[in-house]
Amino acid sequence: MRNVIDAIISIVTNPVLDLNVIIGKNRANSMGMALEEYIKDIFSGDEPREKVFSYLGNQNNPPDIMIRGGDAIEVKKLESDKFNGSIALNSSYPKDKLYADSPMITQFCRDAEQWTVKDMLYAVGFVKGSQLRALTFVYGEDYAADKSIYEKIRKTIKDGIESIPNVEFTESKELGHVNRVDPLGITYLRIRGMWGIENPFKVFRRHYTPNPKAKFTFMAVMNLTKYHSYQNYMELEELAEKTDNLNLELAAIPNPNNPAILIPAILITFEIL
């Protein structure tokens, strides 16, 4: 089963920076699709995608990719400022894990394989023109709080909206759906949450300062338990010994649920100057 270590090795040994983006009427979507295809390529390698992945997602529901028997992957594109820009998550709050009973995923995702919970990997990239300028990997458990934190906020807002008197609501997965707003009863209002999160380069800036002059910058942050769960991590360490600008360092990152607790982690960086 291929994994994130395979993907990182692929980035280092075969760095493909030109994504050959096809600029259509919707330029942002074209860039995002090219980034997603690139992520699929580095994770699948030479193996057929249908063998590596059990699910390849859709535009409206997480995740974008599920590795068969492995992690879920959410691909996000930075709109501007590769090291300080924020990530738009839209109606889905950040996920430490992906759960099969989540109302935000599709039935096709639930049925793609036998699973109950998957580790969630965020792959965040910045594309300028057709050039991939920055890419970062971080697992949700090292980045996002427990789902109860976000659910509490979402539920409080939703319950508050639905407690408004003399308003006709319809059952909805959104924060609210109001019917018959106008006297004719023909107008409705959808109330949606628009979540966002700071990008990993900014979140972990105390641990790594990218070279702003680099043509390409890569960073991965992974807790040591997850890192050592992969049988091929030694292959990456051997590659680092003989590769310029590929560095592996131990780090202590804050627990997303309690920043007073530090988690042992590995920081992986790679730059093309």
Protein backbone atom coordinates (compact mmCIF):
# COMPACT_ATOMS: atom_id res chain seq x y z
CA MET A 1 0.00 0.00 0.00
CA ARG A 2 1.45 3.35 -1.03
CA ASN A 3 1.60 6.14 1.52
CA VAL A 4 2.74 9.68 2.26
CA ILE A 5 6.40 8.62 2.51
CA ASP A 6 6.21 7.34 -1.08
CA ALA A 7 4.71 10.66 -2.13
CA ILE A 8 7.47 12.68 -0.45
CA ILE A 9 10.16 10.50 -2.05
CA SER A 10 8.51 11.08 -5.42
CA ILE A 11 8.55 14.86 -4.87
CA VAL A 12 12.26 14.82 -4.06
CA THR A 13 13.49 12.35 -6.67
CA ASN A 14 11.27 13.52 -9.51
CA PRO A 15 10.28 17.14 -8.86
CA VAL A 16 7.63 18.14 -11.38
CA LEU A 17 6.89 21.83 -10.95
CA ASP A 18 5.06 22.59 -14.19
CA LEU A 19 1.49 21.38 -13.73
CA ASN A 20 0.54 22.20 -17.32
CA VAL A 21 -2.55 23.95 -16.10
CA ILE A 22 -5.25 24.34 -18.72
CA ILE A 23 -6.63 27.82 -18.16
CA GLY A 24 -10.33 27.76 -18.96
CA LYS A 25 -13.16 30.11 -18.17
CA ASN A 26 -12.75 29.34 -14.49
CA ARG A 27 -9.02 29.81 -13.93
CA ALA A 28 -9.13 29.05 -10.21
CA ASN A 29 -10.87 25.72 -10.75
CA SER A 30 -8.39 24.74 -13.46
CA MET A 31 -5.47 25.41 -11.14
CA GLY A 32 -7.13 23.49 -8.34
CA MET A 33 -7.85 20.49 -10.57
CA ALA A 34 -4.26 20.43 -11.80
CA LEU A 35 -2.98 20.42 -8.21
CA GLU A 36 -5.34 17.59 -7.31
CA GLU A 37 -4.19 15.53 -10.31
CA TYR A 38 -0.58 16.11 -9.28
CA ILE A 39 -1.30 14.84 -5.76
CA LYS A 40 -2.95 11.73 -7.19
CA ASP A 41 0.10 11.10 -9.37
CA ILE A 42 2.68 11.32 -6.60
CA PHE A 43 0.65 9.06 -4.32
CA SER A 44 -0.16 6.43 -6.95
CA GLY A 45 3.29 6.38 -8.60
CA ASP A 46 3.48 3.74 -11.32
CA GLU A 47 0.55 1.77 -9.94
CA PRO A 48 -2.97 2.05 -11.43
CA ARG A 49 -5.06 4.57 -9.56
CA GLU A 50 -7.93 2.13 -9.09
CA LYS A 51 -5.54 -0.14 -7.21
CA VAL A 52 -4.18 2.60 -4.94
CA PHE A 53 -7.36 4.62 -4.30
CA SER A 54 -10.78 3.47 -3.16
CA TYR A 55 -12.43 6.86 -3.64
CA LEU A 56 -11.64 9.91 -5.76
CA GLY A 57 -14.19 12.32 -4.36
CA ASN A 58 -16.22 15.19 -5.77
CA GLN A 59 -16.10 18.97 -5.54
CA ASN A 60 -18.75 19.36 -2.84
CA ASN A 61 -17.90 16.74 -0.20
CA PRO A 62 -14.71 15.72 1.58
CA PRO A 63 -12.37 13.97 1.10
CA ASP A 64 -10.82 14.44 -2.34
CA ILE A 65 -8.97 11.11 -2.20
CA MET A 66 -8.98 7.94 -0.09
CA ILE A 67 -6.06 5.52 -0.20
CA ARG A 68 -7.34 1.96 -0.13
CA GLY A 69 -6.71 0.73 3.40
CA GLY A 70 -4.89 3.98 4.23
CA ASP A 71 -5.31 7.71 4.71
CA ALA A 72 -7.89 10.16 3.44
CA ILE A 73 -6.49 13.21 1.61
CA GLU A 74 -7.97 16.67 1.28
CA VAL A 75 -6.29 18.86 -1.36
CA LYS A 76 -6.43 22.61 -0.84
CA LYS A 77 -5.11 25.45 -2.98
CA LEU A 78 -3.82 28.70 -1.53
CA GLU A 79 -5.32 31.62 -3.40
CA SER A 80 -2.51 34.05 -2.58
CA ASP A 81 0.61 34.43 -0.46
CA LYS A 82 2.11 30.95 -0.35
CA PHE A 83 3.45 31.28 3.21
CA ASN A 84 0.82 33.41 4.94
CA GLY A 85 -2.45 32.91 3.06
CA SER A 86 -5.42 31.17 4.65
CA ILE A 87 -7.30 28.10 3.42
CA ALA A 88 -10.99 28.25 2.55
CA LEU A 89 -12.77 25.14 3.86
CA ASN A 90 -16.25 26.38 2.96
CA SER A 91 -19.02 24.42 4.71
CA SER A 92 -16.72 21.78 6.24
CA TYR A 93 -14.85 22.52 9.44
CA PRO A 94 -11.25 21.23 9.84
CA LYS A 95 -11.00 17.50 10.50
CA ASP A 96 -8.58 15.72 12.79
CA LYS A 97 -9.90 12.43 11.38
CA LEU A 98 -12.40 11.38 8.74
CA TYR A 99 -15.31 9.39 10.16
CA ALA A 100 -17.55 7.09 8.15
CA ASP A 101 -20.63 8.38 10.00
CA SER A 102 -19.93 12.02 9.12
CA PRO A 103 -22.98 13.71 7.53
CA MET A 104 -20.62 15.69 5.27
CA ILE A 105 -19.44 12.70 3.23
CA THR A 106 -21.34 10.87 0.50
CA GLN A 107 -22.74 7.36 0.66
CA PHE A 108 -20.34 6.43 -2.15
CA CYS A 109 -17.47 7.43 0.14
CA ARG A 110 -18.87 5.33 3.01
CA ASP A 111 -19.25 2.32 0.75
CA ALA A 112 -15.90 2.64 -1.04
CA GLU A 113 -14.31 0.11 1.35
CA GLN A 114 -14.78 -1.29 4.83
CA TRP A 115 -13.79 1.50 7.20
CA THR A 116 -14.93 3.48 10.23
CA VAL A 117 -12.22 6.14 10.65
CA LYS A 118 -9.26 7.31 8.58
CA ASP A 119 -6.38 9.66 9.29
CA MET A 120 -6.86 12.89 7.34
CA LEU A 121 -3.93 14.36 5.43
CA TYR A 122 -4.15 17.96 4.24
CA ALA A 123 -2.14 18.61 1.07
CA VAL A 124 -1.94 22.38 0.59
CA GLY A 125 -0.36 23.88 -2.50
CA PHE A 126 0.35 27.25 -4.06
CA VAL A 127 0.35 27.44 -7.86
CA LYS A 128 1.47 30.51 -9.78
CA GLY A 129 0.63 30.36 -13.45
CA SER A 130 1.26 26.69 -14.14
CA GLN A 131 4.14 26.41 -11.67
CA LEU A 132 3.84 24.64 -8.34
CA ARG A 133 5.69 27.00 -6.02
CA ALA A 134 4.94 25.54 -2.59
CA LEU A 135 3.42 22.38 -1.13
CA THR A 136 2.85 21.25 2.43
CA PHE A 137 1.52 18.06 4.05
CA VAL A 138 0.09 17.96 7.55
CA TYR A 139 -2.14 15.44 9.27
CA GLY A 140 -5.40 16.66 10.73
CA GLU A 141 -4.59 15.25 14.17
CA ASP A 142 -1.53 17.55 14.28
CA TYR A 143 -3.42 20.53 12.86
CA ALA A 144 -7.10 20.53 13.81
CA ALA A 145 -8.94 20.16 17.10
CA ASP A 146 -11.28 17.32 18.00
CA LYS A 147 -14.53 17.40 16.02
CA SER A 148 -16.49 18.12 19.23
CA ILE A 149 -14.93 21.60 19.37
CA TYR A 150 -16.29 22.54 15.95
CA GLU A 151 -19.58 20.69 16.38
CA LYS A 152 -20.31 22.64 19.55
CA ILE A 153 -19.93 25.95 17.72
CA ARG A 154 -21.92 24.75 14.72
CA LYS A 155 -24.75 23.36 16.85
CA THR A 156 -24.95 26.47 19.03
CA ILE A 157 -25.30 28.71 15.97
CA LYS A 158 -27.77 26.36 14.26
CA ASP A 159 -29.95 26.03 17.37
CA GLY A 160 -29.90 29.81 17.82
CA ILE A 161 -31.02 30.42 14.25
CA GLU A 162 -33.80 27.85 14.47
CA SER A 163 -35.09 29.40 17.71
CA ILE A 164 -36.08 32.61 15.88
CA PRO A 165 -39.89 32.91 16.27
CA ASN A 166 -42.37 33.08 13.39
CA VAL A 167 -39.91 31.74 10.80
CA GLU A 168 -40.54 28.62 8.70
CA PHE A 169 -37.49 26.35 8.65
CA THR A 170 -36.76 23.25 6.59
CA GLU A 171 -34.53 20.44 7.83
CA SER A 172 -31.06 21.05 6.42
CA LYS A 173 -27.41 20.01 6.88
CA GLU A 174 -26.59 23.72 6.63
CA LEU A 175 -26.94 26.17 9.52
CA GLY A 176 -30.45 26.94 8.42
CA HIS A 177 -32.90 26.98 5.52
CA VAL A 178 -35.72 29.52 5.83
CA ASN A 179 -38.82 29.20 3.64
CA ARG A 180 -41.48 31.74 2.67
CA VAL A 181 -39.44 34.80 3.55
CA ASP A 182 -41.61 37.18 1.52
CA PRO A 183 -45.40 37.80 1.54
CA LEU A 184 -45.87 35.67 -1.60
CA GLY A 185 -44.02 32.81 0.01
CA ILE A 186 -41.71 32.34 -2.98
CA THR A 187 -38.37 33.37 -1.51
CA TYR A 188 -36.12 31.22 0.65
CA LEU A 189 -32.85 31.81 2.50
CA ARG A 190 -29.97 29.35 2.87
CA ILE A 191 -27.66 29.97 5.82
CA ARG A 192 -24.27 28.37 5.37
CA GLY A 193 -21.10 28.27 7.44
CA MET A 194 -17.89 29.32 5.69
CA TRP A 195 -14.97 27.82 7.57
CA GLY A 196 -11.33 28.74 7.07
CA ILE A 197 -8.00 27.92 8.67
CA GLU A 198 -4.48 29.34 8.58
CA ASN A 199 -2.17 27.42 6.27
CA PRO A 200 0.48 25.05 7.72
CA PHE A 201 3.43 27.24 6.68
CA LYS A 202 2.05 29.94 8.96
CA VAL A 203 0.94 27.59 11.74
CA PHE A 204 4.40 25.99 11.99
CA ARG A 205 6.45 29.10 11.21
CA ARG A 206 8.30 28.80 14.53
CA HIS A 207 9.70 25.48 13.35
CA TYR A 208 10.56 26.35 9.76
CA THR A 209 11.34 29.55 7.89
CA PRO A 210 11.12 28.97 4.11
CA ASN A 211 13.59 30.58 1.74
CA PRO A 212 11.49 33.19 -0.12
CA LYS A 213 13.83 32.95 -3.13
CA ALA A 214 13.37 29.21 -3.61
CA LYS A 215 11.68 28.09 -6.82
CA PHE A 216 9.86 25.41 -4.86
CA THR A 217 9.31 24.84 -1.14
CA PHE A 218 8.00 21.68 0.51
CA MET A 219 7.20 21.07 4.17
CA ALA A 220 5.62 18.13 5.95
CA VAL A 221 4.81 17.91 9.65
CA MET A 222 3.99 14.53 11.16
CA ASN A 223 3.81 13.26 14.72
CA LEU A 224 6.41 10.57 15.40
CA THR A 225 3.84 7.85 16.08
CA LYS A 226 2.36 8.32 12.62
CA TYR A 227 5.77 8.67 10.99
CA HIS A 228 7.11 5.45 12.50
CA SER A 229 3.93 3.57 11.55
CA TYR A 230 5.17 3.55 7.94
CA GLN A 231 7.55 0.71 7.17
CA ASN A 232 9.43 2.76 4.56
CA TYR A 233 10.37 5.78 6.70
CA MET A 234 14.01 4.62 6.76
CA GLU A 235 14.07 4.93 2.97
CA LEU A 236 13.28 8.62 3.31
CA GLU A 237 15.98 9.07 5.94
CA GLU A 238 18.55 7.39 3.69
CA LEU A 239 17.48 9.70 0.84
CA ALA A 240 17.97 12.75 3.08
CA GLU A 241 21.57 11.75 3.80
CA LYS A 242 22.49 12.04 0.13
CA THR A 243 20.15 14.80 -1.06
CA ASP A 244 20.91 18.49 -0.79
CA ASN A 245 18.14 20.66 0.64
CA LEU A 246 16.16 17.67 1.98
CA ASN A 247 16.14 17.90 5.78
CA LEU A 248 14.52 15.85 8.51
CA GLU A 249 14.43 17.33 12.00
CA LEU A 250 12.78 16.42 15.27
CA ALA A 251 10.28 18.99 16.49
CA ALA A 252 7.84 19.51 19.34
CA ILE A 253 4.48 20.77 18.08
CA PRO A 254 1.50 21.92 20.18
CA ASN A 255 -1.40 19.56 20.71
CA PRO A 256 -4.35 21.13 18.80
CA ASN A 257 -6.65 20.36 21.75
CA ASN A 258 -4.28 21.64 24.44
CA PRO A 259 -1.30 23.76 23.33
CA ALA A 260 0.28 23.30 26.76
CA ILE A 261 1.08 19.74 25.69
CA LEU A 262 3.83 19.26 23.10
CA ILE A 263 3.81 16.36 20.66
CA PRO A 264 7.06 14.80 19.35
CA ALA A 265 7.05 15.20 15.58
CA ILE A 266 9.20 15.07 12.49
CA LEU A 267 9.65 18.13 10.30
CA ILE A 268 10.48 17.33 6.68
CA THR A 269 11.56 20.16 4.38
CA PHE A 270 12.82 20.30 0.82
CA GLU A 271 13.70 23.31 -1.35
CA ILE A 272 14.67 23.79 -4.98
CA LEU A 273 16.71 26.97 -5.29
